[in-house]
Amino acid sequence: MSAETVQLFALGNPLLDMQVTNGEELLKKYDLKSNDAILVEEKHKPIYEDLVKNYKVTYVAGGASQNAARGAAYVLPPHSVVYTGCVGDDELAEQLKAANDREGLDHVYLVKKGEKTGACAVIITGHDRSLVTNLAAAEKFEKSHLSSPEVAPLVDAAKIYYVEGYFLTHGTESALELAKKASEAGKIFVLNLSAPFIPQFFAVQLQQIMPYCDIIIGNEAEAEAWGTANGLADPKDLTAVARAIASQPKSNASRPRTVIITHGPKATTVVNAADPENPKVFPVTPLSDTEIVDTNGAGDAFAGGLLGGLVLGKSIDEAVEGGHKLGAMCVQQVGPQYKWPKVQIY
């Protein structure tokens, strides 16, 4: 991998997804919501062994930022995208590396000896998915890895940086390092809110990084959680939430912030801080129920398609449409995966 070709640098929690369908009993057993994303608590810990012993598990390379990075790599020339995060020295890490190699995503993992690679139980019921994440090695990431001889040239070469909100649960210092570097260099820093619990319970960390964010992506549940946490009169009003996020203080005022709120199969709302009174709404081309196989990773696929478009120099409007196309492709596969041979997105 050469720094000369790197356009997008992504940072996040590498996880191996353990995916099962018809998981209604598991939701009851472990007190889970059908469409949610949480960090594992003591009461959930037996779920991983339960899946292996009693269910047919599909293993898919996961982790929100890694999924999006693979999506961006799908639409871009080879070696345009590089991803980092922390893994253990185990078989799960080898499966992640193999999946990335197969799909053209370059990776520079920090490998922690004696640690276990993170895993995510993905419980699918109908078109909903409940995610239960055990970060394990993922939360052992060290900021020094970003300045290591192997990684630093790739960071410096990138034009766009992408970080998942989940990373703020443990790695705010590292995320801030990237965000400030992007801001000072006039490059683009993109943050995904990732889950409702991030604006709910990690508001301080979110507030620390927000001034450096050029683009913020979230879905309707995450937007509502942010709106509620910040005392908005109607947190369900996606446009109002997007405006409020767009208007938050920004370090590099020369690039007004863009906020992108997805709403599943309905539409995507885009607000730019330079023109907040004129939001854009992009309808999603609906799929039939029979076409939808699995919604896990759809939001990450959207982000990947969007990021790929931005790297290619597309407008936000074109990039959103590209995100819609990749998201639609993803929900027709099992897990956050894409069609091969490649389909032209742009």
Protein backbone atom coordinates (compact mmCIF):
# COMPACT_ATOMS: atom_id res chain seq x y z
CA MET A 1 0.00 0.00 0.00
CA SER A 2 1.37 3.41 -0.98
CA ALA A 3 0.44 6.72 0.62
CA GLU A 4 0.31 8.21 -2.89
CA THR A 5 -3.04 6.58 -3.66
CA VAL A 6 -4.79 7.09 -0.28
CA GLN A 7 -7.81 9.41 -0.41
CA LEU A 8 -9.90 8.29 2.57
CA PHE A 9 -8.72 7.33 6.06
CA ALA A 10 -11.26 5.62 8.37
CA LEU A 11 -10.98 4.92 12.09
CA GLY A 12 -13.27 2.72 14.15
CA ASN A 13 -13.97 -0.43 16.12
CA PRO A 14 -13.19 -3.57 14.07
CA LEU A 15 -15.71 -6.30 14.92
CA LEU A 16 -16.71 -9.67 13.60
CA ASP A 17 -20.50 -9.77 13.23
CA MET A 18 -22.21 -12.97 14.43
CA GLN A 19 -25.52 -12.83 12.64
CA VAL A 20 -28.66 -14.93 13.23
CA THR A 21 -32.19 -14.69 11.86
CA ASN A 22 -35.56 -15.33 13.54
CA GLY A 23 -34.18 -14.06 16.82
CA GLU A 24 -37.44 -13.27 18.65
CA GLU A 25 -36.63 -15.64 21.53
CA LEU A 26 -33.19 -14.11 21.93
CA LEU A 27 -34.72 -10.62 22.25
CA LYS A 28 -36.89 -11.85 25.13
CA LYS A 29 -34.14 -13.89 26.76
CA TYR A 30 -31.62 -11.03 26.84
CA ASP A 31 -34.05 -8.12 27.22
CA LEU A 32 -33.18 -6.52 23.87
CA LYS A 33 -35.07 -4.12 21.59
CA SER A 34 -35.72 -5.29 18.03
CA ASN A 35 -34.08 -2.28 16.35
CA ASP A 36 -31.26 -1.03 18.54
CA ALA A 37 -27.50 -0.95 19.10
CA ILE A 38 -25.97 -1.34 22.56
CA LEU A 39 -22.70 -2.18 24.28
CA VAL A 40 -22.72 -5.52 26.07
CA GLU A 41 -23.69 -5.59 29.75
CA GLU A 42 -23.12 -8.42 32.19
CA LYS A 43 -26.58 -9.89 31.51
CA HIS A 44 -25.83 -10.12 27.76
CA LYS A 45 -22.41 -11.79 27.97
CA PRO A 46 -23.64 -15.39 27.47
CA ILE A 47 -25.27 -14.43 24.15
CA TYR A 48 -22.17 -15.07 22.02
CA GLU A 49 -21.75 -18.66 23.19
CA ASP A 50 -25.53 -19.11 22.97
CA LEU A 51 -25.45 -18.13 19.28
CA VAL A 52 -22.62 -20.53 18.45
CA LYS A 53 -24.21 -23.45 20.31
CA ASN A 54 -27.86 -23.05 19.39
CA TYR A 55 -28.19 -21.06 16.16
CA LYS A 56 -26.96 -21.04 12.61
CA VAL A 57 -24.48 -18.15 12.67
CA THR A 58 -23.36 -16.17 9.61
CA TYR A 59 -19.99 -14.50 10.23
CA VAL A 60 -19.52 -11.16 8.48
CA ALA A 61 -16.72 -8.61 8.81
CA GLY A 62 -18.28 -5.76 10.76
CA GLY A 63 -17.77 -2.61 12.75
CA ALA A 64 -19.57 0.50 11.53
CA SER A 65 -16.58 2.43 10.20
CA GLN A 66 -15.04 -0.68 8.66
CA ASN A 67 -18.32 -1.43 6.86
CA ALA A 68 -18.46 2.13 5.49
CA ALA A 69 -14.79 1.98 4.47
CA ARG A 70 -15.44 -1.25 2.56
CA GLY A 71 -18.39 0.47 0.87
CA ALA A 72 -16.21 3.42 -0.16
CA ALA A 73 -13.53 1.01 -1.40
CA TYR A 74 -16.21 -0.69 -3.53
CA VAL A 75 -16.84 2.49 -5.54
CA LEU A 76 -13.26 3.81 -5.68
CA PRO A 77 -10.05 2.79 -7.46
CA PRO A 78 -7.85 0.22 -5.67
CA HIS A 79 -5.88 1.41 -2.60
CA SER A 80 -7.91 4.63 -2.21
CA VAL A 81 -9.21 3.71 1.25
CA VAL A 82 -7.32 2.67 4.37
CA TYR A 83 -8.85 1.64 7.71
CA THR A 84 -7.45 1.31 11.20
CA GLY A 85 -8.63 0.07 14.57
CA CYS A 86 -7.45 -2.37 17.21
CA VAL A 87 -7.78 -6.18 16.98
CA GLY A 88 -6.45 -9.14 18.92
CA ASP A 89 -4.01 -11.74 17.61
CA ASP A 90 -6.70 -14.36 17.03
CA GLU A 91 -8.72 -16.15 14.37
CA LEU A 92 -11.41 -13.45 14.35
CA ALA A 93 -8.79 -10.88 13.33
CA GLU A 94 -7.60 -13.16 10.53
CA GLN A 95 -11.19 -13.42 9.26
CA LEU A 96 -11.48 -9.61 9.26
CA LYS A 97 -8.20 -9.21 7.36
CA ALA A 98 -9.27 -11.81 4.80
CA ALA A 99 -12.65 -10.08 4.28
CA ASN A 100 -10.97 -6.71 3.77
CA ASP A 101 -8.40 -8.17 1.36
CA ARG A 102 -11.21 -9.86 -0.58
CA GLU A 103 -13.14 -6.59 -0.90
CA GLY A 104 -10.22 -4.28 -1.65
CA LEU A 105 -9.97 -2.42 1.67
CA ASP A 106 -6.42 -1.72 2.88
CA HIS A 107 -6.00 -1.99 6.65
CA VAL A 108 -3.34 -1.02 9.19
CA TYR A 109 -4.66 -2.60 12.38
CA LEU A 110 -3.06 -2.11 15.76
CA VAL A 111 -2.69 -5.75 16.88
CA LYS A 112 -2.76 -6.40 20.63
CA LYS A 113 -1.09 -9.64 21.66
CA GLY A 114 -3.19 -11.81 23.96
CA GLU A 115 -6.39 -9.82 23.37
CA LYS A 116 -9.60 -11.01 21.72
CA THR A 117 -10.95 -9.26 18.66
CA GLY A 118 -14.30 -7.53 19.23
CA ALA A 119 -17.55 -9.22 18.24
CA CYS A 120 -21.11 -8.08 17.62
CA ALA A 121 -24.18 -10.28 18.06
CA VAL A 122 -26.62 -9.32 15.29
CA ILE A 123 -30.15 -10.49 16.08
CA ILE A 124 -32.43 -10.18 13.07
CA THR A 125 -36.22 -10.16 13.38
CA GLY A 126 -38.09 -9.32 10.20
CA HIS A 127 -36.47 -6.16 8.80
CA ASP A 128 -35.09 -5.09 12.19
CA ARG A 129 -31.69 -5.79 13.68
CA SER A 130 -30.55 -5.64 17.30
CA LEU A 131 -26.80 -5.21 17.82
CA VAL A 132 -25.00 -6.25 21.01
CA THR A 133 -21.33 -5.32 20.88
CA ASN A 134 -18.42 -6.59 22.95
CA LEU A 135 -15.61 -4.19 22.01
CA ALA A 136 -12.82 -6.33 23.56
CA ALA A 137 -9.57 -5.35 21.76
CA ALA A 138 -11.30 -2.55 19.84
CA GLU A 139 -11.31 -0.30 22.91
CA LYS A 140 -7.55 -0.77 23.40
CA PHE A 141 -6.68 1.48 20.45
CA GLU A 142 -3.78 3.84 21.15
CA LYS A 143 -3.41 7.33 19.71
CA SER A 144 0.32 6.68 19.15
CA HIS A 145 -0.63 4.22 16.39
CA LEU A 146 -1.72 7.17 14.24
CA SER A 147 1.79 8.65 14.36
CA SER A 148 3.60 5.32 13.82
CA PRO A 149 5.87 5.06 10.75
CA GLU A 150 3.42 2.69 9.06
CA VAL A 151 0.31 4.83 9.61
CA ALA A 152 1.39 8.49 9.74
CA PRO A 153 2.08 8.83 5.97
CA LEU A 154 -1.39 7.41 5.21
CA VAL A 155 -3.05 9.87 7.60
CA ASP A 156 -1.14 12.76 6.03
CA ALA A 157 -2.02 11.67 2.49
CA ALA A 158 -5.78 11.35 2.99
CA LYS A 159 -8.18 14.06 1.80
CA ILE A 160 -11.19 12.84 3.82
CA TYR A 161 -11.37 11.29 7.31
CA TYR A 162 -14.23 9.20 8.66
CA VAL A 163 -14.93 8.16 12.26
CA GLU A 164 -17.89 6.27 13.70
CA GLY A 165 -19.67 7.64 16.78
CA TYR A 166 -19.14 4.31 18.55
CA PHE A 167 -15.42 5.13 18.74
CA LEU A 168 -16.19 8.02 21.12
CA THR A 169 -17.05 5.49 23.85
CA HIS A 170 -13.31 4.99 24.43
CA GLY A 171 -11.18 6.72 21.76
CA THR A 172 -12.11 10.41 21.79
CA GLU A 173 -8.47 11.47 22.09
CA SER A 174 -7.52 9.58 18.90
CA ALA A 175 -10.61 10.81 17.03
CA LEU A 176 -9.83 14.40 18.06
CA GLU A 177 -6.28 14.00 16.78
CA LEU A 178 -7.61 13.17 13.31
CA ALA A 179 -10.37 15.79 13.45
CA LYS A 180 -8.03 18.64 14.41
CA LYS A 181 -5.49 17.58 11.80
CA ALA A 182 -8.23 17.66 9.14
CA SER A 183 -9.47 21.06 10.26
CA GLU A 184 -6.00 22.62 10.30
CA ALA A 185 -5.22 21.26 6.83
CA GLY A 186 -8.58 22.29 5.35
CA LYS A 187 -9.49 18.65 4.72
CA ILE A 188 -12.89 17.03 5.28
CA PHE A 189 -13.75 15.29 8.57
CA VAL A 190 -16.91 13.17 8.62
CA LEU A 191 -18.55 11.80 11.79
CA ASN A 192 -21.39 9.31 11.98
CA LEU A 193 -23.55 9.48 15.13
CA SER A 194 -23.86 5.65 14.88
CA ALA A 195 -26.44 4.93 17.62
CA PRO A 196 -28.95 6.76 19.85
CA PHE A 197 -26.87 6.05 22.97
CA ILE A 198 -23.98 8.19 21.65
CA PRO A 199 -25.81 11.57 21.85
CA GLN A 200 -27.63 10.31 24.97
CA PHE A 201 -24.69 9.13 27.08
CA PHE A 202 -21.56 10.44 25.33
CA ALA A 203 -22.73 14.02 24.81
CA VAL A 204 -19.55 15.48 26.33
CA GLN A 205 -17.32 13.56 23.89
CA LEU A 206 -19.60 14.47 20.99
CA GLN A 207 -19.45 18.14 21.95
CA GLN A 208 -15.64 17.98 22.04
CA ILE A 209 -15.34 16.71 18.48
CA MET A 210 -18.26 18.50 16.84
CA PRO A 211 -16.43 21.81 16.15
CA TYR A 212 -14.11 19.90 13.79
CA CYS A 213 -16.85 18.01 11.93
CA ASP A 214 -17.51 19.14 8.34
CA ILE A 215 -20.15 16.47 7.70
CA ILE A 216 -22.28 14.70 10.31
CA ILE A 217 -24.39 11.68 9.37
CA GLY A 218 -27.16 10.15 11.48
CA ASN A 219 -30.43 8.28 11.15
CA GLU A 220 -33.83 9.34 12.47
CA ALA A 221 -33.39 7.59 15.86
CA GLU A 222 -29.96 9.15 16.42
CA ALA A 223 -31.28 12.57 15.36
CA GLU A 224 -34.16 12.31 17.80
CA ALA A 225 -31.78 11.27 20.59
CA TRP A 226 -29.58 14.30 19.86
CA GLY A 227 -32.63 16.58 19.75
CA THR A 228 -33.91 15.24 23.07
CA ALA A 229 -30.49 15.48 24.74
CA ASN A 230 -30.17 19.09 23.57
CA GLY A 231 -33.66 20.20 24.59
CA LEU A 232 -35.19 20.75 21.13
CA ALA A 233 -38.92 21.49 21.21
CA ASP A 234 -39.71 18.74 18.68
CA PRO A 235 -36.85 16.22 18.51
CA LYS A 236 -38.80 14.15 15.95
CA ASP A 237 -38.59 17.04 13.43
CA LEU A 238 -35.58 15.82 11.44
CA THR A 239 -35.09 19.13 9.63
CA ALA A 240 -35.10 21.08 12.91
CA VAL A 241 -32.56 18.68 14.42
CA ALA A 242 -30.35 18.87 11.31
CA ARG A 243 -30.46 22.69 11.45
CA ALA A 244 -29.54 22.68 15.14
CA ILE A 245 -26.57 20.35 14.58
CA ALA A 246 -25.45 22.37 11.53
CA SER A 247 -25.46 25.57 13.57
CA GLN A 248 -23.18 24.27 16.35
CA PRO A 249 -19.83 26.13 16.65
CA LYS A 250 -17.23 25.18 14.04
CA SER A 251 -13.44 25.65 14.09
CA ASN A 252 -12.97 25.93 10.32
CA ALA A 253 -15.72 28.40 9.44
CA SER A 254 -14.65 28.53 5.78
CA ARG A 255 -16.38 25.17 5.20
CA PRO A 256 -19.98 25.34 6.53
CA ARG A 257 -21.10 22.10 8.16
CA THR A 258 -23.41 19.72 6.29
CA VAL A 259 -25.77 17.48 8.27
CA ILE A 260 -27.28 14.40 6.64
CA ILE A 261 -30.16 12.56 8.34
CA THR A 262 -31.33 9.28 6.81
CA HIS A 263 -34.80 7.88 7.44
CA GLY A 264 -34.66 4.26 6.30
CA PRO A 265 -36.70 3.62 3.15
CA LYS A 266 -38.41 7.03 3.33
CA ALA A 267 -36.02 9.88 2.53
CA THR A 268 -32.73 11.57 3.40
CA THR A 269 -32.67 15.16 4.68
CA VAL A 270 -29.65 17.40 4.07
CA VAL A 271 -29.06 20.77 5.74
CA ASN A 272 -26.06 22.99 5.06
CA ALA A 273 -25.15 25.62 7.65
CA ALA A 274 -24.62 28.16 4.85
CA ASP A 275 -28.29 27.90 3.86
CA PRO A 276 -30.15 26.27 6.77
CA GLU A 277 -33.60 27.51 5.72
CA ASN A 278 -33.45 25.52 2.48
CA PRO A 279 -33.09 21.86 3.43
CA LYS A 280 -32.97 19.28 0.68
CA VAL A 281 -34.99 16.08 0.90
CA PHE A 282 -33.97 13.12 -1.26
CA PRO A 283 -36.60 10.38 -1.60
CA VAL A 284 -35.39 6.79 -1.40
CA THR A 285 -36.40 4.48 -4.24
CA PRO A 286 -38.40 1.83 -2.34
CA LEU A 287 -37.68 -1.89 -2.49
CA SER A 288 -40.37 -4.53 -2.11
CA ASP A 289 -40.44 -6.67 1.04
CA THR A 290 -39.31 -9.67 -0.97
CA GLU A 291 -36.21 -7.79 -2.20
CA ILE A 292 -35.06 -6.93 1.33
CA VAL A 293 -32.89 -9.69 2.78
CA ASP A 294 -31.20 -7.97 5.75
CA THR A 295 -31.04 -4.33 6.86
CA ASN A 296 -27.89 -4.79 8.97
CA GLY A 297 -25.22 -2.40 7.71
CA ALA A 298 -27.52 -0.40 5.42
CA GLY A 299 -26.61 2.88 7.12
CA ASP A 300 -22.92 2.06 6.87
CA ALA A 301 -23.36 1.24 3.18
CA PHE A 302 -25.04 4.61 2.67
CA ALA A 303 -22.09 6.31 4.37
CA GLY A 304 -19.65 4.33 2.21
CA GLY A 305 -21.42 5.30 -1.00
CA LEU A 306 -21.54 8.94 0.11
CA LEU A 307 -17.84 8.99 1.07
CA GLY A 308 -16.88 7.38 -2.23
CA GLY A 309 -18.78 10.06 -4.11
CA LEU A 310 -17.08 12.85 -2.16
CA VAL A 311 -13.64 11.37 -2.89
CA LEU A 312 -14.59 11.32 -6.58
CA GLY A 313 -15.43 15.03 -6.38
CA LYS A 314 -19.20 14.58 -6.64
CA SER A 315 -21.58 17.14 -5.17
CA ILE A 316 -23.36 16.35 -1.88
CA ASP A 317 -26.56 15.77 -3.90
CA GLU A 318 -24.84 13.22 -6.16
CA ALA A 319 -23.07 11.60 -3.19
CA VAL A 320 -26.37 11.15 -1.30
CA GLU A 321 -27.88 9.42 -4.35
CA GLY A 322 -24.79 7.19 -4.53
CA GLY A 323 -25.28 6.39 -0.85
CA HIS A 324 -28.88 5.40 -1.56
CA LYS A 325 -27.73 3.03 -4.32
CA LEU A 326 -25.14 1.31 -2.16
CA GLY A 327 -27.58 1.09 0.78
CA ALA A 328 -30.18 -0.55 -1.48
CA MET A 329 -27.56 -3.02 -2.68
CA CYS A 330 -26.57 -3.86 0.90
CA VAL A 331 -30.09 -4.67 2.14
CA GLN A 332 -30.40 -7.23 -0.66
CA GLN A 333 -27.41 -9.18 0.75
CA VAL A 334 -26.82 -11.01 4.03
CA GLY A 335 -24.98 -8.61 6.32
CA PRO A 336 -23.06 -5.50 5.33
CA GLN A 337 -21.86 -6.85 1.99
CA TYR A 338 -21.89 -5.73 -1.64
CA LYS A 339 -22.53 -7.38 -5.01
CA TRP A 340 -19.70 -9.01 -6.93
CA PRO A 341 -18.72 -8.53 -9.67
CA LYS A 342 -18.88 -4.82 -8.97
CA VAL A 343 -21.87 -2.73 -10.00
CA GLN A 344 -21.24 0.83 -11.19
CA ILE A 345 -22.47 3.33 -8.58
CA TYR A 346 -21.10 6.53 -10.15
